[in-house]
Amino acid sequence: MDVRYINPFIQAACQVFHTMLGTRIRRKSLLLKQSDCPTYDVTAVVGLSGEATGSVVLSVSRPVAFRVVEILLGYETTEINADVADAVGELANMIAGAAKTQLQNFQLSLGLPNVVVGRNHSLFFPTTVRPICVVFECDWGPLAIEAGLATSQTESPSCREDASQQEAALASPPVKS
């Protein structure tokens, strides 16, 4: 994925957490996904289609998931249940929707969020997509966003950056979050 496309997802996550949950998230790391992008206890996946295709993934730790439920639904919980899955899925949907507005040239449509619950699960993107993982931290615990988009430009040799160029771009100064 072209590193320029991750900024709308970073900005959307920061905006949604601040506006909807009243907290700030801090970016800890940014990396090309291999197998080292963390997945936490509750993971929501929103499919993207249009002039580009791909997914955005929000993975949160239990404490973050429980706090999201408390703020969005107004009650405390210490168990992962359907409300936790719904709340994290809705949060992922808000992030995808906010990023979509910044990626209007792709005319994206969002799928319904799918939520995976449990530790040590793996998420795979199509082999044509090299997703970028952004690890965040907030006062409640860790979370991660993964985004991967494939465009017709990505497939074109003249527009494709090799892995070393992508990694060099990721090492550049952090985006404000």
N, C-alpha and C. Protein backbone atom coordinates (compact mmCIF):
# COMPACT_ATOMS: atom_id res chain seq x y z
N MET A 1 0.85 -1.17 0.00
CA MET A 1 0.00 0.00 0.00
C MET A 1 0.89 1.23 0.00
N ASP A 2 0.55 2.19 -0.79
CA ASP A 2 1.27 3.45 -0.84
C ASP A 2 1.16 4.11 0.53
N VAL A 3 2.28 4.50 1.11
CA VAL A 3 2.29 5.05 2.46
C VAL A 3 1.46 6.32 2.57
N ARG A 4 1.23 7.02 1.47
CA ARG A 4 0.42 8.25 1.53
C ARG A 4 -1.02 7.97 1.93
N TYR A 5 -1.48 6.75 1.72
CA TYR A 5 -2.87 6.42 2.01
C TYR A 5 -3.12 6.09 3.48
N ILE A 6 -2.08 5.98 4.28
CA ILE A 6 -2.30 5.65 5.69
C ILE A 6 -2.70 6.88 6.50
N ASN A 7 -2.26 8.06 6.09
CA ASN A 7 -2.57 9.27 6.86
C ASN A 7 -4.05 9.48 7.11
N PRO A 8 -4.95 9.29 6.14
CA PRO A 8 -6.37 9.45 6.44
C PRO A 8 -6.86 8.51 7.55
N PHE A 9 -6.32 7.30 7.63
CA PHE A 9 -6.72 6.35 8.66
C PHE A 9 -6.18 6.77 10.03
N ILE A 10 -4.94 7.27 10.06
CA ILE A 10 -4.36 7.75 11.32
C ILE A 10 -5.17 8.95 11.82
N GLN A 11 -5.40 9.91 10.94
CA GLN A 11 -6.16 11.10 11.33
C GLN A 11 -7.58 10.74 11.76
N ALA A 12 -8.20 9.82 11.05
CA ALA A 12 -9.57 9.41 11.40
C ALA A 12 -9.61 8.74 12.77
N ALA A 13 -8.65 7.87 13.05
CA ALA A 13 -8.62 7.20 14.35
C ALA A 13 -8.44 8.22 15.47
N CYS A 14 -7.53 9.15 15.29
CA CYS A 14 -7.30 10.18 16.32
C CYS A 14 -8.56 11.02 16.52
N GLN A 15 -9.19 11.39 15.42
CA GLN A 15 -10.40 12.22 15.49
C GLN A 15 -11.55 11.47 16.17
N VAL A 16 -11.79 10.24 15.77
CA VAL A 16 -12.90 9.46 16.33
C VAL A 16 -12.69 9.20 17.82
N PHE A 17 -11.49 8.82 18.22
CA PHE A 17 -11.25 8.57 19.64
C PHE A 17 -11.41 9.85 20.46
N HIS A 18 -10.98 10.98 19.91
CA HIS A 18 -11.11 12.23 20.64
C HIS A 18 -12.56 12.70 20.70
N THR A 19 -13.24 12.71 19.56
CA THR A 19 -14.61 13.22 19.48
C THR A 19 -15.62 12.31 20.16
N MET A 20 -15.56 11.03 19.85
CA MET A 20 -16.59 10.10 20.33
C MET A 20 -16.29 9.54 21.73
N LEU A 21 -15.01 9.44 22.08
CA LEU A 21 -14.65 8.79 23.34
C LEU A 21 -13.99 9.73 24.35
N GLY A 22 -13.67 10.95 23.90
CA GLY A 22 -13.08 11.93 24.80
C GLY A 22 -11.67 11.61 25.25
N THR A 23 -10.93 10.85 24.44
CA THR A 23 -9.55 10.52 24.80
C THR A 23 -8.65 10.71 23.59
N ARG A 24 -7.41 10.89 23.87
CA ARG A 24 -6.42 11.02 22.79
C ARG A 24 -5.64 9.71 22.68
N ILE A 25 -5.37 9.33 21.45
CA ILE A 25 -4.52 8.17 21.23
C ILE A 25 -3.16 8.65 20.76
N ARG A 26 -2.13 7.94 21.17
CA ARG A 26 -0.76 8.31 20.83
C ARG A 26 -0.15 7.21 19.97
N ARG A 27 0.41 7.62 18.86
CA ARG A 27 1.02 6.65 17.96
C ARG A 27 2.34 6.17 18.55
N LYS A 28 2.49 4.84 18.63
CA LYS A 28 3.71 4.23 19.15
C LYS A 28 4.63 3.78 18.03
N SER A 29 4.06 3.16 16.99
CA SER A 29 4.89 2.69 15.89
C SER A 29 4.07 2.59 14.61
N LEU A 30 4.79 2.58 13.52
CA LEU A 30 4.20 2.48 12.19
C LEU A 30 5.08 1.52 11.40
N LEU A 31 4.48 0.47 10.83
CA LEU A 31 5.29 -0.52 10.14
C LEU A 31 4.52 -1.19 9.01
N LEU A 32 5.27 -1.68 8.05
CA LEU A 32 4.65 -2.51 7.02
C LEU A 32 4.30 -3.83 7.67
N LYS A 33 3.08 -4.26 7.47
CA LYS A 33 2.63 -5.49 8.14
C LYS A 33 3.37 -6.70 7.59
N GLN A 34 3.86 -7.45 8.52
CA GLN A 34 4.38 -8.77 8.23
C GLN A 34 3.56 -9.65 9.15
N SER A 35 4.17 -10.20 10.14
CA SER A 35 3.37 -10.93 11.12
C SER A 35 3.44 -10.25 12.47
N ASP A 36 4.15 -9.10 12.52
CA ASP A 36 4.40 -8.50 13.82
C ASP A 36 3.42 -7.40 14.22
N CYS A 37 2.36 -7.21 13.48
CA CYS A 37 1.35 -6.24 13.90
C CYS A 37 0.49 -6.90 14.97
N PRO A 38 0.39 -6.27 16.11
CA PRO A 38 -0.36 -6.92 17.18
C PRO A 38 -1.85 -7.01 16.88
N THR A 39 -2.43 -8.08 17.32
CA THR A 39 -3.89 -8.18 17.34
C THR A 39 -4.24 -8.36 18.81
N TYR A 40 -5.28 -7.65 19.19
CA TYR A 40 -5.69 -7.69 20.58
C TYR A 40 -6.97 -8.52 20.69
N ASP A 41 -7.63 -8.42 21.83
CA ASP A 41 -8.77 -9.30 22.12
C ASP A 41 -10.00 -9.09 21.26
N VAL A 42 -10.20 -7.88 20.77
CA VAL A 42 -11.38 -7.59 19.94
C VAL A 42 -10.90 -6.88 18.68
N THR A 43 -11.21 -7.46 17.53
CA THR A 43 -10.75 -6.93 16.25
C THR A 43 -11.93 -6.78 15.31
N ALA A 44 -12.08 -5.57 14.76
CA ALA A 44 -13.14 -5.30 13.79
C ALA A 44 -12.51 -5.04 12.42
N VAL A 45 -13.12 -5.61 11.39
CA VAL A 45 -12.64 -5.48 10.02
C VAL A 45 -13.74 -4.86 9.18
N VAL A 46 -13.41 -3.78 8.46
CA VAL A 46 -14.36 -3.13 7.56
C VAL A 46 -13.77 -3.21 6.15
N GLY A 47 -14.51 -3.84 5.25
CA GLY A 47 -14.07 -3.94 3.86
C GLY A 47 -14.32 -2.64 3.12
N LEU A 48 -13.42 -2.35 2.18
CA LEU A 48 -13.51 -1.14 1.36
C LEU A 48 -13.55 -1.57 -0.11
N SER A 49 -14.43 -0.96 -0.88
CA SER A 49 -14.48 -1.27 -2.31
C SER A 49 -14.77 0.00 -3.09
N GLY A 50 -14.43 -0.01 -4.35
CA GLY A 50 -14.60 1.14 -5.23
C GLY A 50 -13.45 1.18 -6.21
N GLU A 51 -12.89 2.37 -6.42
CA GLU A 51 -11.72 2.51 -7.30
C GLU A 51 -10.48 1.90 -6.65
N ALA A 52 -10.58 1.60 -5.38
CA ALA A 52 -9.56 0.86 -4.64
C ALA A 52 -10.30 -0.18 -3.81
N THR A 53 -9.62 -1.24 -3.47
CA THR A 53 -10.23 -2.27 -2.62
C THR A 53 -9.27 -2.58 -1.48
N GLY A 54 -9.84 -3.00 -0.38
CA GLY A 54 -9.01 -3.36 0.75
C GLY A 54 -9.82 -3.43 2.02
N SER A 55 -9.14 -3.22 3.14
CA SER A 55 -9.77 -3.29 4.45
C SER A 55 -9.10 -2.33 5.41
N VAL A 56 -9.86 -1.97 6.42
CA VAL A 56 -9.31 -1.28 7.58
C VAL A 56 -9.66 -2.14 8.79
N VAL A 57 -8.69 -2.32 9.66
CA VAL A 57 -8.82 -3.20 10.82
C VAL A 57 -8.54 -2.38 12.08
N LEU A 58 -9.42 -2.51 13.06
CA LEU A 58 -9.20 -1.91 14.37
C LEU A 58 -9.13 -3.05 15.37
N SER A 59 -8.02 -3.15 16.08
CA SER A 59 -7.84 -4.20 17.08
C SER A 59 -7.56 -3.53 18.41
N VAL A 60 -8.36 -3.87 19.44
CA VAL A 60 -8.23 -3.21 20.74
C VAL A 60 -8.08 -4.24 21.85
N SER A 61 -7.40 -3.83 22.90
CA SER A 61 -7.25 -4.68 24.08
C SER A 61 -8.56 -4.68 24.87
N ARG A 62 -8.69 -5.63 25.77
CA ARG A 62 -9.90 -5.72 26.61
C ARG A 62 -10.20 -4.41 27.33
N PRO A 63 -9.22 -3.81 28.03
CA PRO A 63 -9.54 -2.57 28.74
C PRO A 63 -10.07 -1.47 27.81
N VAL A 64 -9.51 -1.36 26.63
CA VAL A 64 -9.99 -0.36 25.67
C VAL A 64 -11.41 -0.71 25.24
N ALA A 65 -11.66 -1.98 24.93
CA ALA A 65 -12.99 -2.40 24.50
C ALA A 65 -14.03 -2.13 25.59
N PHE A 66 -13.70 -2.44 26.82
CA PHE A 66 -14.65 -2.23 27.92
C PHE A 66 -14.94 -0.74 28.13
N ARG A 67 -13.92 0.08 27.98
CA ARG A 67 -14.11 1.53 28.15
C ARG A 67 -14.95 2.09 27.00
N VAL A 68 -14.76 1.59 25.80
CA VAL A 68 -15.57 2.01 24.65
C VAL A 68 -17.04 1.73 24.93
N VAL A 69 -17.34 0.54 25.45
CA VAL A 69 -18.72 0.18 25.78
C VAL A 69 -19.26 1.13 26.85
N GLU A 70 -18.47 1.39 27.85
CA GLU A 70 -18.92 2.26 28.94
C GLU A 70 -19.29 3.65 28.40
N ILE A 71 -18.47 4.18 27.52
CA ILE A 71 -18.73 5.52 26.99
C ILE A 71 -19.85 5.53 25.96
N LEU A 72 -19.81 4.60 25.00
CA LEU A 72 -20.82 4.61 23.93
C LEU A 72 -22.18 4.08 24.37
N LEU A 73 -22.18 3.07 25.24
CA LEU A 73 -23.45 2.43 25.61
C LEU A 73 -23.89 2.74 27.04
N GLY A 74 -23.01 3.34 27.83
CA GLY A 74 -23.41 3.81 29.14
C GLY A 74 -23.45 2.78 30.25
N TYR A 75 -22.75 1.66 30.10
CA TYR A 75 -22.69 0.71 31.21
C TYR A 75 -21.33 0.05 31.26
N GLU A 76 -20.96 -0.40 32.44
CA GLU A 76 -19.68 -1.07 32.64
C GLU A 76 -19.82 -2.56 32.40
N THR A 77 -18.78 -3.14 31.83
CA THR A 77 -18.73 -4.59 31.63
C THR A 77 -17.30 -5.07 31.84
N THR A 78 -17.16 -6.31 32.22
CA THR A 78 -15.85 -6.93 32.34
C THR A 78 -15.79 -8.23 31.54
N GLU A 79 -16.82 -8.42 30.70
CA GLU A 79 -16.87 -9.61 29.84
C GLU A 79 -17.05 -9.18 28.40
N ILE A 80 -16.38 -9.92 27.51
CA ILE A 80 -16.59 -9.64 26.08
C ILE A 80 -17.92 -10.28 25.69
N ASN A 81 -18.83 -9.43 25.22
CA ASN A 81 -20.16 -9.89 24.84
C ASN A 81 -20.56 -9.23 23.53
N ALA A 82 -21.80 -9.40 23.13
CA ALA A 82 -22.27 -8.85 21.85
C ALA A 82 -22.19 -7.33 21.83
N ASP A 83 -22.44 -6.68 22.96
CA ASP A 83 -22.35 -5.21 23.01
C ASP A 83 -20.92 -4.74 22.78
N VAL A 84 -19.96 -5.47 23.33
CA VAL A 84 -18.54 -5.13 23.12
C VAL A 84 -18.22 -5.25 21.63
N ALA A 85 -18.61 -6.35 21.02
CA ALA A 85 -18.36 -6.55 19.59
C ALA A 85 -19.04 -5.46 18.77
N ASP A 86 -20.28 -5.14 19.09
CA ASP A 86 -21.00 -4.09 18.36
C ASP A 86 -20.32 -2.73 18.50
N ALA A 87 -19.91 -2.39 19.73
CA ALA A 87 -19.30 -1.08 19.97
C ALA A 87 -17.96 -0.95 19.24
N VAL A 88 -17.14 -1.98 19.28
CA VAL A 88 -15.85 -1.92 18.58
C VAL A 88 -16.07 -1.93 17.06
N GLY A 89 -17.05 -2.69 16.59
CA GLY A 89 -17.39 -2.68 15.17
C GLY A 89 -17.85 -1.31 14.72
N GLU A 90 -18.66 -0.65 15.54
CA GLU A 90 -19.14 0.69 15.20
C GLU A 90 -17.99 1.69 15.19
N LEU A 91 -17.07 1.56 16.13
CA LEU A 91 -15.91 2.44 16.17
C LEU A 91 -15.07 2.27 14.90
N ALA A 92 -14.86 1.02 14.48
CA ALA A 92 -14.11 0.76 13.24
C ALA A 92 -14.85 1.36 12.04
N ASN A 93 -16.16 1.27 12.04
CA ASN A 93 -16.98 1.84 10.97
C ASN A 93 -16.82 3.36 10.92
N MET A 94 -16.80 4.01 12.09
CA MET A 94 -16.61 5.47 12.15
C MET A 94 -15.24 5.86 11.61
N ILE A 95 -14.22 5.10 11.97
CA ILE A 95 -12.86 5.39 11.50
C ILE A 95 -12.80 5.22 9.98
N ALA A 96 -13.35 4.12 9.48
CA ALA A 96 -13.35 3.88 8.02
C ALA A 96 -14.12 4.99 7.30
N GLY A 97 -15.26 5.39 7.86
CA GLY A 97 -16.07 6.45 7.24
C GLY A 97 -15.36 7.79 7.21
N ALA A 98 -14.68 8.13 8.31
CA ALA A 98 -13.93 9.39 8.35
C ALA A 98 -12.76 9.37 7.37
N ALA A 99 -12.07 8.23 7.27
CA ALA A 99 -10.96 8.12 6.31
C ALA A 99 -11.48 8.19 4.88
N LYS A 100 -12.63 7.59 4.65
CA LYS A 100 -13.25 7.59 3.30
C LYS A 100 -13.43 9.02 2.79
N THR A 101 -13.81 9.94 3.66
CA THR A 101 -14.02 11.32 3.22
C THR A 101 -12.73 11.97 2.74
N GLN A 102 -11.59 11.49 3.24
CA GLN A 102 -10.30 12.02 2.81
C GLN A 102 -9.75 11.28 1.59
N LEU A 103 -10.39 10.20 1.20
CA LEU A 103 -9.96 9.40 0.05
C LEU A 103 -11.04 9.39 -1.03
N GLN A 104 -11.68 10.56 -1.22
CA GLN A 104 -12.83 10.65 -2.12
C GLN A 104 -12.52 10.23 -3.55
N ASN A 105 -11.28 10.43 -4.00
CA ASN A 105 -10.94 10.07 -5.38
C ASN A 105 -11.08 8.57 -5.66
N PHE A 106 -11.15 7.75 -4.60
CA PHE A 106 -11.33 6.30 -4.79
C PHE A 106 -12.79 5.87 -4.79
N GLN A 107 -13.71 6.81 -4.52
CA GLN A 107 -15.14 6.50 -4.51
C GLN A 107 -15.43 5.21 -3.72
N LEU A 108 -14.98 5.20 -2.49
CA LEU A 108 -15.06 4.00 -1.67
C LEU A 108 -16.46 3.77 -1.09
N SER A 109 -16.82 2.51 -1.01
CA SER A 109 -18.00 2.06 -0.27
C SER A 109 -17.50 1.21 0.88
N LEU A 110 -18.21 1.28 2.00
CA LEU A 110 -17.81 0.52 3.18
C LEU A 110 -18.70 -0.70 3.34
N GLY A 111 -18.10 -1.81 3.73
CA GLY A 111 -18.87 -3.00 4.08
C GLY A 111 -19.28 -2.92 5.54
N LEU A 112 -20.07 -3.87 5.96
CA LEU A 112 -20.44 -3.95 7.37
C LEU A 112 -19.25 -4.47 8.17
N PRO A 113 -19.06 -3.96 9.38
CA PRO A 113 -17.94 -4.45 10.19
C PRO A 113 -18.14 -5.92 10.60
N ASN A 114 -17.07 -6.67 10.52
CA ASN A 114 -17.04 -8.04 11.05
C ASN A 114 -16.10 -8.00 12.24
N VAL A 115 -16.48 -8.67 13.31
CA VAL A 115 -15.70 -8.60 14.55
C VAL A 115 -15.22 -10.00 14.93
N VAL A 116 -13.92 -10.08 15.24
CA VAL A 116 -13.30 -11.32 15.70
C VAL A 116 -12.93 -11.11 17.16
N VAL A 117 -13.26 -12.07 18.00
CA VAL A 117 -12.98 -11.97 19.43
C VAL A 117 -12.07 -13.12 19.82
N GLY A 118 -11.06 -12.82 20.62
CA GLY A 118 -10.15 -13.86 21.10
C GLY A 118 -8.71 -13.48 20.85
N ARG A 119 -7.84 -14.09 21.59
CA ARG A 119 -6.41 -13.82 21.47
C ARG A 119 -5.77 -14.65 20.35
N ASN A 120 -4.63 -14.14 19.90
CA ASN A 120 -3.76 -14.87 18.97
C ASN A 120 -4.44 -15.25 17.66
N HIS A 121 -5.25 -14.36 17.13
CA HIS A 121 -5.81 -14.62 15.81
C HIS A 121 -4.95 -13.90 14.77
N SER A 122 -5.02 -14.36 13.54
CA SER A 122 -4.25 -13.75 12.45
C SER A 122 -5.21 -13.24 11.40
N LEU A 123 -4.86 -12.10 10.83
CA LEU A 123 -5.64 -11.52 9.75
C LEU A 123 -4.74 -11.45 8.53
N PHE A 124 -5.27 -11.87 7.41
CA PHE A 124 -4.49 -11.86 6.18
C PHE A 124 -5.17 -10.94 5.16
N PHE A 125 -4.37 -10.17 4.47
CA PHE A 125 -4.84 -9.32 3.38
C PHE A 125 -4.51 -10.04 2.08
N PRO A 126 -5.15 -9.67 0.97
CA PRO A 126 -4.78 -10.28 -0.31
C PRO A 126 -3.28 -10.09 -0.58
N THR A 127 -2.70 -11.01 -1.31
CA THR A 127 -1.25 -10.94 -1.55
C THR A 127 -0.84 -9.71 -2.33
N THR A 128 -1.77 -9.07 -3.04
CA THR A 128 -1.45 -7.86 -3.80
C THR A 128 -1.41 -6.62 -2.91
N VAL A 129 -1.78 -6.77 -1.64
CA VAL A 129 -1.84 -5.63 -0.73
C VAL A 129 -0.81 -5.82 0.38
N ARG A 130 -0.01 -4.82 0.59
CA ARG A 130 0.94 -4.84 1.71
C ARG A 130 0.44 -3.81 2.72
N PRO A 131 -0.34 -4.24 3.69
CA PRO A 131 -0.95 -3.29 4.63
C PRO A 131 0.07 -2.63 5.55
N ILE A 132 -0.34 -1.49 6.06
CA ILE A 132 0.46 -0.75 7.02
C ILE A 132 -0.24 -0.86 8.37
N CYS A 133 0.53 -1.11 9.39
CA CYS A 133 0.03 -1.25 10.76
C CYS A 133 0.50 -0.05 11.57
N VAL A 134 -0.43 0.54 12.31
CA VAL A 134 -0.12 1.65 13.19
C VAL A 134 -0.53 1.23 14.60
N VAL A 135 0.43 1.20 15.50
CA VAL A 135 0.16 0.82 16.88
C VAL A 135 0.00 2.10 17.70
N PHE A 136 -1.08 2.15 18.47
CA PHE A 136 -1.38 3.30 19.31
C PHE A 136 -1.45 2.87 20.76
N GLU A 137 -1.45 3.89 21.62
CA GLU A 137 -1.68 3.68 23.03
C GLU A 137 -2.58 4.82 23.51
N CYS A 138 -3.46 4.51 24.43
CA CYS A 138 -4.25 5.56 25.07
C CYS A 138 -4.24 5.28 26.57
N ASP A 139 -4.90 6.12 27.33
CA ASP A 139 -4.90 5.94 28.78
C ASP A 139 -5.50 4.61 29.21
N TRP A 140 -6.27 3.96 28.37
CA TRP A 140 -6.95 2.71 28.71
C TRP A 140 -6.17 1.48 28.30
N GLY A 141 -5.19 1.63 27.38
CA GLY A 141 -4.43 0.48 26.92
C GLY A 141 -4.06 0.59 25.45
N PRO A 142 -3.54 -0.51 24.88
CA PRO A 142 -3.07 -0.49 23.50
C PRO A 142 -4.18 -0.80 22.48
N LEU A 143 -3.93 -0.35 21.26
CA LEU A 143 -4.79 -0.65 20.12
C LEU A 143 -3.96 -0.53 18.86
N ALA A 144 -4.48 -1.06 17.77
CA ALA A 144 -3.77 -0.99 16.49
C ALA A 144 -4.77 -0.80 15.36
N ILE A 145 -4.32 -0.10 14.33
CA ILE A 145 -5.08 0.07 13.10
C ILE A 145 -4.22 -0.54 11.99
N GLU A 146 -4.84 -1.33 11.14
CA GLU A 146 -4.18 -1.81 9.93
C GLU A 146 -5.01 -1.33 8.76
N ALA A 147 -4.34 -0.90 7.73
CA ALA A 147 -5.06 -0.49 6.52
C ALA A 147 -4.30 -1.00 5.32
N GLY A 148 -5.05 -1.52 4.37
CA GLY A 148 -4.46 -1.99 3.13
C GLY A 148 -5.39 -1.68 1.98
N LEU A 149 -4.89 -0.98 0.99
CA LEU A 149 -5.67 -0.64 -0.21
C LEU A 149 -4.89 -1.06 -1.44
N ALA A 150 -5.58 -1.63 -2.39
CA ALA A 150 -4.99 -1.93 -3.70
C ALA A 150 -5.72 -1.08 -4.72
N THR A 151 -4.95 -0.40 -5.53
CA THR A 151 -5.52 0.42 -6.60
C THR A 151 -4.95 -0.04 -7.92
N SER A 152 -5.57 0.39 -9.00
CA SER A 152 -5.02 0.04 -10.31
C SER A 152 -3.64 0.68 -10.47
N GLN A 153 -3.42 1.83 -9.82
CA GLN A 153 -2.11 2.47 -9.85
C GLN A 153 -1.07 1.63 -9.12
N THR A 154 -1.49 0.96 -8.06
CA THR A 154 -0.57 0.14 -7.28
C THR A 154 -0.01 -0.98 -8.14
N GLU A 155 -0.84 -1.48 -9.04
CA GLU A 155 -0.43 -2.59 -9.89
C GLU A 155 0.54 -2.15 -10.99
N SER A 156 0.53 -0.86 -11.33
CA SER A 156 1.34 -0.35 -12.43
C SER A 156 2.80 -0.25 -12.00
N PRO A 157 3.73 -0.82 -12.77
CA PRO A 157 5.13 -0.78 -12.38
C PRO A 157 5.65 0.64 -12.20
N SER A 158 5.15 1.61 -12.98
CA SER A 158 5.64 2.98 -12.87
C SER A 158 5.21 3.64 -11.57
N CYS A 159 4.16 3.16 -10.94
CA CYS A 159 3.66 3.77 -9.71
C CYS A 159 4.01 2.97 -8.47
N ARG A 160 4.53 1.76 -8.63
CA ARG A 160 4.80 0.88 -7.50
C ARG A 160 6.13 1.26 -6.85
N GLU A 161 6.14 1.34 -5.53
CA GLU A 161 7.37 1.54 -4.79
C GLU A 161 7.80 0.19 -4.25
N ASP A 162 9.10 -0.08 -4.28
CA ASP A 162 9.52 -1.36 -3.72
C ASP A 162 9.53 -1.29 -2.20
N ALA A 163 9.72 -2.41 -1.57
CA ALA A 163 9.62 -2.49 -0.12
C ALA A 163 10.61 -1.56 0.59
N SER A 164 11.82 -1.43 0.06
CA SER A 164 12.79 -0.57 0.73
C SER A 164 12.36 0.88 0.68
N GLN A 165 11.76 1.33 -0.43
CA GLN A 165 11.25 2.70 -0.51
C GLN A 165 10.10 2.89 0.46
N GLN A 166 9.21 1.89 0.57
CA GLN A 166 8.09 1.97 1.50
C GLN A 166 8.63 2.09 2.92
N GLU A 167 9.59 1.25 3.28
CA GLU A 167 10.11 1.26 4.64
C GLU A 167 10.83 2.57 4.93
N ALA A 168 11.53 3.14 3.94
CA ALA A 168 12.18 4.44 4.14
C ALA A 168 11.14 5.52 4.37
N ALA A 169 10.04 5.46 3.64
CA ALA A 169 8.97 6.44 3.83
C ALA A 169 8.34 6.29 5.21
N LEU A 170 8.23 5.06 5.69
CA LEU A 170 7.66 4.84 7.03
C LEU A 170 8.59 5.37 8.11
N ALA A 171 9.88 5.41 7.83
CA ALA A 171 10.84 5.87 8.82
C ALA A 171 10.91 7.40 8.89
N SER A 172 10.24 8.08 7.98
CA SER A 172 10.25 9.54 7.98
C SER A 172 9.52 10.07 9.21
N PRO A 173 9.63 11.37 9.46
CA PRO A 173 9.03 11.93 10.70
C PRO A 173 7.57 11.55 10.85
N PRO A 174 7.13 11.34 12.10
CA PRO A 174 5.76 10.88 12.36
C PRO A 174 4.72 11.91 11.95
N VAL A 175 3.59 11.39 11.58
CA VAL A 175 2.43 12.21 11.27
C VAL A 175 1.86 12.68 12.59
N LYS A 176 1.39 13.91 12.63
CA LYS A 176 0.76 14.39 13.89
C LYS A 176 -0.44 13.54 14.22
N SER A 177 -0.51 13.08 15.44
CA SER A 177 -1.68 12.29 15.88
C SER A 177 -2.14 12.77 17.22
